[in-house]
C-alpha atoms as a PDB file:
ATOM      1  CA  MET A   1       0.000   0.000   0.000  1.00  0.00           C
ATOM      2  CA  THR A   2       1.338   3.424  -0.933  1.00  0.00           C
ATOM      3  CA  PHE A   3       1.884   6.161   1.587  1.00  0.00           C
ATOM      4  CA  ALA A   4      -1.042   8.172   0.133  1.00  0.00           C
ATOM      5  CA  LYS A   5      -3.399   5.213   0.546  1.00  0.00           C
ATOM      6  CA  LEU A   6      -2.240   4.730   4.139  1.00  0.00           C
ATOM      7  CA  VAL A   7      -2.921   8.398   4.900  1.00  0.00           C
ATOM      8  CA  LEU A   8      -6.364   8.238   3.251  1.00  0.00           C
ATOM      9  CA  ALA A   9      -7.242   5.051   5.143  1.00  0.00           C
ATOM     10  CA  ALA A  10      -6.229   6.691   8.428  1.00  0.00           C
ATOM     11  CA  LEU A  11      -8.309   9.782   7.605  1.00  0.00           C
ATOM     12  CA  GLU A  12     -11.340   7.632   6.798  1.00  0.00           C
ATOM     13  CA  ARG A  13     -11.042   5.964  10.217  1.00  0.00           C
ATOM     14  CA  LEU A  14     -10.650   9.298  11.993  1.00  0.00           C
ATOM     15  CA  LEU A  15     -13.275  11.170   9.968  1.00  0.00           C
ATOM     16  CA  PRO A  16     -15.747   8.604   8.678  1.00  0.00           C
ATOM     17  CA  VAL A  17     -17.848   9.628   5.714  1.00  0.00           C
ATOM     18  CA  HIS A  18     -21.585   9.334   6.281  1.00  0.00           C
ATOM     19  CA  GLU A  19     -23.971   8.721   3.427  1.00  0.00           C
ATOM     20  CA  ALA A  20     -26.335  11.580   2.714  1.00  0.00           C
ATOM     21  CA  SER A  21     -29.582  11.321   0.858  1.00  0.00           C
ATOM     22  CA  ALA A  22     -31.985  13.890  -0.481  1.00  0.00           C
ATOM     23  CA  HIS A  23     -34.825  14.295  -2.884  1.00  0.00           C
ATOM     24  CA  CYS A  24     -33.383  16.093  -4.719  1.00  0.00           C
ATOM     25  CA  ASP A  25     -31.309  19.178  -5.028  1.00  0.00           C
ATOM     26  CA  ILE A  26     -30.424  18.701  -8.665  1.00  0.00           C
ATOM     27  CA  PRO A  27     -33.470  19.492  -9.241  1.00  0.00           C
ATOM     28  CA  CYS A  28     -34.625  16.357 -10.974  1.00  0.00           C
ATOM     29  CA  GLY A  29     -38.072  17.637 -11.917  1.00  0.00           C
ATOM     30  CA  ILE A  30     -39.767  14.433 -10.773  1.00  0.00           C
ATOM     31  CA  TYR A  31     -42.412  15.303  -8.207  1.00  0.00           C
ATOM     32  CA  ASP A  32     -45.686  13.598  -7.379  1.00  0.00           C
ATOM     33  CA  PRO A  33     -48.036  13.879  -4.396  1.00  0.00           C
ATOM     34  CA  HIS A  34     -49.040  10.218  -4.649  1.00  0.00           C
ATOM     35  CA  ALA A  35     -46.658   8.979  -1.932  1.00  0.00           C
ATOM     36  CA  ALA A  36     -48.070  11.559   0.505  1.00  0.00           C
ATOM     37  CA  GLN A  37     -51.591  10.325  -0.225  1.00  0.00           C
ATOM     38  CA  LEU A  38     -50.564   6.713   0.389  1.00  0.00           C
ATOM     39  CA  GLY A  39     -48.877   7.767   3.631  1.00  0.00           C
ATOM     40  CA  ALA A  40     -52.091   9.441   4.822  1.00  0.00           C
ATOM     41  CA  LEU A  41     -54.152   6.373   3.860  1.00  0.00           C
ATOM     42  CA  THR A  42     -51.757   4.149   5.777  1.00  0.00           C
ATOM     43  CA  VAL A  43     -52.159   6.345   8.865  1.00  0.00           C
ATOM     44  CA  ILE A  44     -55.943   5.968   8.598  1.00  0.00           C
ATOM     45  CA  ARG A  45     -55.596   2.208   8.223  1.00  0.00           C
ATOM     46  CA  MET A  46     -53.415   1.937  11.322  1.00  0.00           C
ATOM     47  CA  PHE A  47     -56.069   3.798  13.325  1.00  0.00           C
ATOM     48  CA  GLN A  48     -58.657   1.329  12.004  1.00  0.00           C
ATOM     49  CA  LEU A  49     -56.523  -1.669  12.968  1.00  0.00           C
ATOM     50  CA  ILE A  50     -55.798  -0.300  16.428  1.00  0.00           C
ATOM     51  CA  ASP A  51     -59.482   0.451  16.964  1.00  0.00           C
ATOM     52  CA  ALA A  52     -60.438  -3.082  15.863  1.00  0.00           C
ATOM     53  CA  LEU A  53     -58.081  -4.779  18.320  1.00  0.00           C
ATOM     54  CA  GLU A  54     -59.808  -6.445  21.210  1.00  0.00           C
ATOM     55  CA  GLN A  55     -58.201  -5.480  24.478  1.00  0.00           C
ATOM     56  CA  PRO A  56     -57.334  -8.425  26.663  1.00  0.00           C
ATOM     57  CA  GLY A  57     -59.653  -8.845  29.625  1.00  0.00           C
ATOM     58  CA  PRO A  58     -58.669  -9.115  33.282  1.00  0.00           C
ATOM     59  CA  ASN A  59     -58.286 -12.900  32.976  1.00  0.00           C
ATOM     60  CA  ALA A  60     -56.150 -12.756  29.828  1.00  0.00           C
ATOM     61  CA  THR A  61     -53.013 -14.832  29.719  1.00  0.00           C
ATOM     62  CA  LYS A  62     -49.582 -13.312  29.596  1.00  0.00           C
ATOM     63  CA  GLU A  63     -49.335 -14.374  25.941  1.00  0.00           C
ATOM     64  CA  GLU A  64     -52.658 -12.679  25.061  1.00  0.00           C
ATOM     65  CA  ARG A  65     -51.546  -9.437  26.726  1.00  0.00           C
ATOM     66  CA  ALA A  66     -48.166  -9.647  24.994  1.00  0.00           C
ATOM     67  CA  ALA A  67     -49.825 -10.249  21.619  1.00  0.00           C
ATOM     68  CA  TYR A  68     -52.047  -7.201  22.131  1.00  0.00           C
ATOM     69  CA  VAL A  69     -49.148  -4.964  23.155  1.00  0.00           C
ATOM     70  CA  SER A  70     -47.086  -6.254  20.235  1.00  0.00           C
ATOM     71  CA  SER A  71     -49.858  -5.503  17.726  1.00  0.00           C
ATOM     72  CA  VAL A  72     -50.496  -2.022  19.097  1.00  0.00           C
ATOM     73  CA  SER A  73     -46.753  -1.300  19.089  1.00  0.00           C
ATOM     74  CA  ARG A  74     -46.385  -2.370  15.454  1.00  0.00           C
ATOM     75  CA  TYR A  75     -49.450  -0.409  14.332  1.00  0.00           C
ATOM     76  CA  VAL A  76     -48.289   2.729  16.145  1.00  0.00           C
ATOM     77  CA  ALA A  77     -44.791   2.410  14.687  1.00  0.00           C
ATOM     78  CA  ILE A  78     -46.197   2.115  11.147  1.00  0.00           C
ATOM     79  CA  LYS A  79     -48.630   4.988  11.786  1.00  0.00           C
ATOM     80  CA  GLU A  80     -45.781   7.227  12.883  1.00  0.00           C
ATOM     81  CA  GLU A  81     -43.488   6.123  10.053  1.00  0.00           C
ATOM     82  CA  HIS A  82     -46.100   6.890   7.409  1.00  0.00           C
ATOM     83  CA  ALA A  83     -47.104  10.191   9.007  1.00  0.00           C
ATOM     84  CA  GLY A  84     -43.421  11.130   8.793  1.00  0.00           C
ATOM     85  CA  LEU A  85     -43.280   9.980   5.164  1.00  0.00           C
ATOM     86  CA  CYS A  86     -46.363  12.026   4.365  1.00  0.00           C
ATOM     87  CA  LYS A  87     -44.824  15.098   5.994  1.00  0.00           C
ATOM     88  CA  LYS A  88     -41.547  14.578   4.138  1.00  0.00           C
ATOM     89  CA  GLU A  89     -43.310  14.278   0.771  1.00  0.00           C
ATOM     90  CA  VAL A  90     -45.477  17.366   1.360  1.00  0.00           C
ATOM     91  CA  LEU A  91     -42.419  19.360   2.418  1.00  0.00           C
ATOM     92  CA  ILE A  92     -40.505  18.238  -0.687  1.00  0.00           C
ATOM     93  CA  LEU A  93     -43.317  19.598  -2.839  1.00  0.00           C
ATOM     94  CA  TRP A  94     -43.407  22.779  -0.758  1.00  0.00           C
ATOM     95  CA  THR A  95     -39.677  23.497  -0.743  1.00  0.00           C
ATOM     96  CA  ASP A  96     -38.562  22.033  -4.060  1.00  0.00           C
ATOM     97  CA  TYR A  97     -41.536  22.177  -6.427  1.00  0.00           C
ATOM     98  CA  PHE A  98     -43.933  25.005  -5.584  1.00  0.00           C
ATOM     99  CA  LYS A  99     -42.777  28.416  -6.792  1.00  0.00           C
ATOM    100  CA  PRO A 100     -43.927  32.003  -6.072  1.00  0.00           C
ATOM    101  CA  GLU A 101     -46.197  31.981  -9.130  1.00  0.00           C
ATOM    102  CA  HIS A 102     -47.964  28.899  -7.736  1.00  0.00           C
ATOM    103  CA  LEU A 103     -48.691  30.824  -4.530  1.00  0.00           C
ATOM    104  CA  GLU A 104     -50.015  33.742  -6.544  1.00  0.00           C
ATOM    105  CA  ASN A 105     -52.447  31.449  -8.350  1.00  0.00           C
ATOM    106  CA  HIS A 106     -53.271  29.404  -5.222  1.00  0.00           C
ATOM    107  CA  PRO A 107     -53.055  31.788  -2.247  1.00  0.00           C
ATOM    108  CA  GLU A 108     -54.482  29.121   0.084  1.00  0.00           C
ATOM    109  CA  LEU A 109     -51.462  26.882  -0.523  1.00  0.00           C
ATOM    110  CA  HIS A 110     -49.236  28.273   2.235  1.00  0.00           C
ATOM    111  CA  GLN A 111     -51.871  27.779   4.942  1.00  0.00           C
ATOM    112  CA  LEU A 112     -52.857  24.396   3.498  1.00  0.00           C
ATOM    113  CA  VAL A 113     -49.293  23.060   3.578  1.00  0.00           C
ATOM    114  CA  TRP A 114     -48.771  24.425   7.091  1.00  0.00           C
ATOM    115  CA  GLU A 115     -51.989  22.838   8.389  1.00  0.00           C
ATOM    116  CA  THR A 116     -51.307  19.542   6.614  1.00  0.00           C
ATOM    117  CA  THR A 117     -47.790  19.191   7.986  1.00  0.00           C
ATOM    118  CA  LYS A 118     -49.096  20.076  11.453  1.00  0.00           C
ATOM    119  CA  LEU A 119     -51.651  17.274  11.049  1.00  0.00           C
ATOM    120  CA  CYS A 120     -48.773  14.894  10.264  1.00  0.00           C
ATOM    121  CA  SER A 121     -47.386  15.739  13.688  1.00  0.00           C
ATOM    122  CA  THR A 122     -50.788  15.494  15.357  1.00  0.00           C
ATOM    123  CA  VAL A 123     -51.446  11.971  14.097  1.00  0.00           C
ATOM    124  CA  LYS A 124     -47.998  10.929  15.316  1.00  0.00           C
ATOM    125  CA  GLN A 125     -48.556  12.414  18.771  1.00  0.00           C
ATOM    126  CA  GLU A 126     -52.167  11.411  19.327  1.00  0.00           C
ATOM    127  CA  MET A 127     -54.658   8.640  18.708  1.00  0.00           C
ATOM    128  CA  ASN A 128     -56.861  10.943  16.641  1.00  0.00           C
ATOM    129  CA  ALA A 129     -58.673   9.296  13.732  1.00  0.00           C
ATOM    130  CA  LYS A 130     -60.445  12.566  12.866  1.00  0.00           C
ATOM    131  CA  ALA A 131     -57.058  14.250  12.392  1.00  0.00           C
ATOM    132  CA  ALA A 132     -56.019  11.363  10.122  1.00  0.00           C
ATOM    133  CA  GLN A 133     -59.074  11.979   7.907  1.00  0.00           C
ATOM    134  CA  GLU A 134     -58.252  15.699   7.876  1.00  0.00           C
ATOM    135  CA  LEU A 135     -54.674  14.813   6.895  1.00  0.00           C
ATOM    136  CA  LEU A 136     -55.887  12.850   3.888  1.00  0.00           C
ATOM    137  CA  ALA A 137     -58.195  15.715   2.897  1.00  0.00           C
ATOM    138  CA  GLY A 138     -55.303  18.193   3.115  1.00  0.00           C
ATOM    139  CA  VAL A 139     -53.010  15.997   1.048  1.00  0.00           C
ATOM    140  CA  GLN A 140     -55.772  15.555  -1.540  1.00  0.00           C
ATOM    141  CA  LYS A 141     -56.147  19.338  -1.859  1.00  0.00           C
ATOM    142  CA  ILE A 142     -52.374  19.715  -2.208  1.00  0.00           C
ATOM    143  CA  ALA A 143     -52.409  17.031  -4.921  1.00  0.00           C
ATOM    144  CA  GLU A 144     -55.151  18.869  -6.809  1.00  0.00           C
ATOM    145  CA  ILE A 145     -53.212  22.142  -6.623  1.00  0.00           C
ATOM    146  CA  PHE A 146     -49.997  20.366  -7.638  1.00  0.00           C
ATOM    147  CA  TRP A 147     -51.590  18.999 -10.801  1.00  0.00           C
ATOM    148  CA  ALA A 148     -53.346  22.313 -11.509  1.00  0.00           C
ATOM    149  CA  THR A 149     -49.945  24.045 -11.552  1.00  0.00           C
ATOM    150  CA  LYS A 150     -48.997  21.663 -14.345  1.00  0.00           C
ATOM    151  CA  GLY A 151     -52.204  22.430 -16.246  1.00  0.00           C
ATOM    152  CA  VAL A 152     -53.503  18.921 -15.646  1.00  0.00           C
ATOM    153  CA  SER A 153     -57.049  18.107 -14.578  1.00  0.00           C
ATOM    154  CA  THR A 154     -57.549  15.634 -11.760  1.00  0.00           C
ATOM    155  CA  ARG A 155     -60.083  13.060 -10.767  1.00  0.00           C
ATOM    156  CA  ARG A 156     -60.792  11.520  -7.398  1.00  0.00           C
ATOM    157  CA  GLN A 157     -61.052   7.792  -7.481  1.00  0.00           C
ATOM    158  CA  PRO A 158     -61.802   5.286  -4.716  1.00  0.00           C
ATOM    159  CA  SER A 159     -58.525   4.023  -3.288  1.00  0.00           C
ATOM    160  CA  LEU A 160     -59.718   0.393  -3.362  1.00  0.00           C
ATOM    161  CA  GLN A 161     -57.641  -0.066  -0.212  1.00  0.00           C
ATOM    162  CA  PRO A 162     -58.920  -1.329   3.155  1.00  0.00           C
ATOM    163  CA  PRO A 163     -59.136   2.152   4.731  1.00  0.00           C
ATOM    164  CA  GLY A 164     -61.392   3.346   1.926  1.00  0.00           C
ATOM    165  CA  GLY A 165     -61.135   6.972   0.967  1.00  0.00           C
ATOM    166  CA  GLU A 166     -60.183   8.463  -2.344  1.00  0.00           C
ATOM    167  CA  LEU A 167     -56.952   9.288  -4.110  1.00  0.00           C
ATOM    168  CA  VAL A 168     -56.359  12.198  -6.462  1.00  0.00           C
ATOM    169  CA  TYR A 169     -55.017  11.181  -9.852  1.00  0.00           C
ATOM    170  CA  PRO A 170     -54.022  13.266 -12.857  1.00  0.00           C
ATOM    171  CA  GLN A 171     -56.539  13.017 -15.661  1.00  0.00           C
ATOM    172  CA  PRO A 172     -54.724  11.860 -18.789  1.00  0.00           C
ATOM    173  CA  LYS A 173     -54.901  14.365 -21.589  1.00  0.00           C
ATOM    174  CA  GLN A 174     -56.689  13.168 -24.695  1.00  0.00           C
ATOM    175  CA  GLU A 175     -54.415  12.663 -27.643  1.00  0.00           C
ATOM    176  CA  THR A 176     -54.987  15.133 -30.433  1.00  0.00           C
ATOM    177  CA  ARG A 177     -56.168  12.381 -32.784  1.00  0.00           C
ATOM    178  CA  GLN A 178     -58.715  11.075 -30.287  1.00  0.00           C
ATOM    179  CA  ALA A 179     -60.073  14.555 -29.632  1.00  0.00           C
ATOM    180  CA  ALA A 180     -60.467  15.170 -33.368  1.00  0.00           C
ATOM    181  CA  ALA A 181     -62.408  11.936 -33.903  1.00  0.00           C
END
């Protein structure tokens, strides 16, 4: 090993390099509110699963109590993970995609993003199914504004997922030939 490689190896041990990740400061131009919507739906589903759990009674076995605690712990962990994902995705749109002209055309956007990200925190901190529904509604409105800034119409469609609810999808533009027919 050369002297330079020895010095570099020693520096790497003393000052380890940590991997960094971001979406994305290139900017890549690839943005979509769909992941935020799925995060909000997942939060709703975790509330449903927690609510459906039967609490062990006073005569429950140790195993039954442990199974209950384990299920609640997993559901809460997933709820919090997906609330965080939802918040991250909304903030990416806010900081990396939306521009001043979008705010001019959609003056409600600033308050909507603020309230929606606050709801992400609320559903992490509390067992509040109403806040989870409000979170989905906020993310849906953000999705509609997002697509409007691109000049794309949207449609709400049933999610076809266990929590129910709707997702906002971009409406495909008709091809010129189809429109002429």
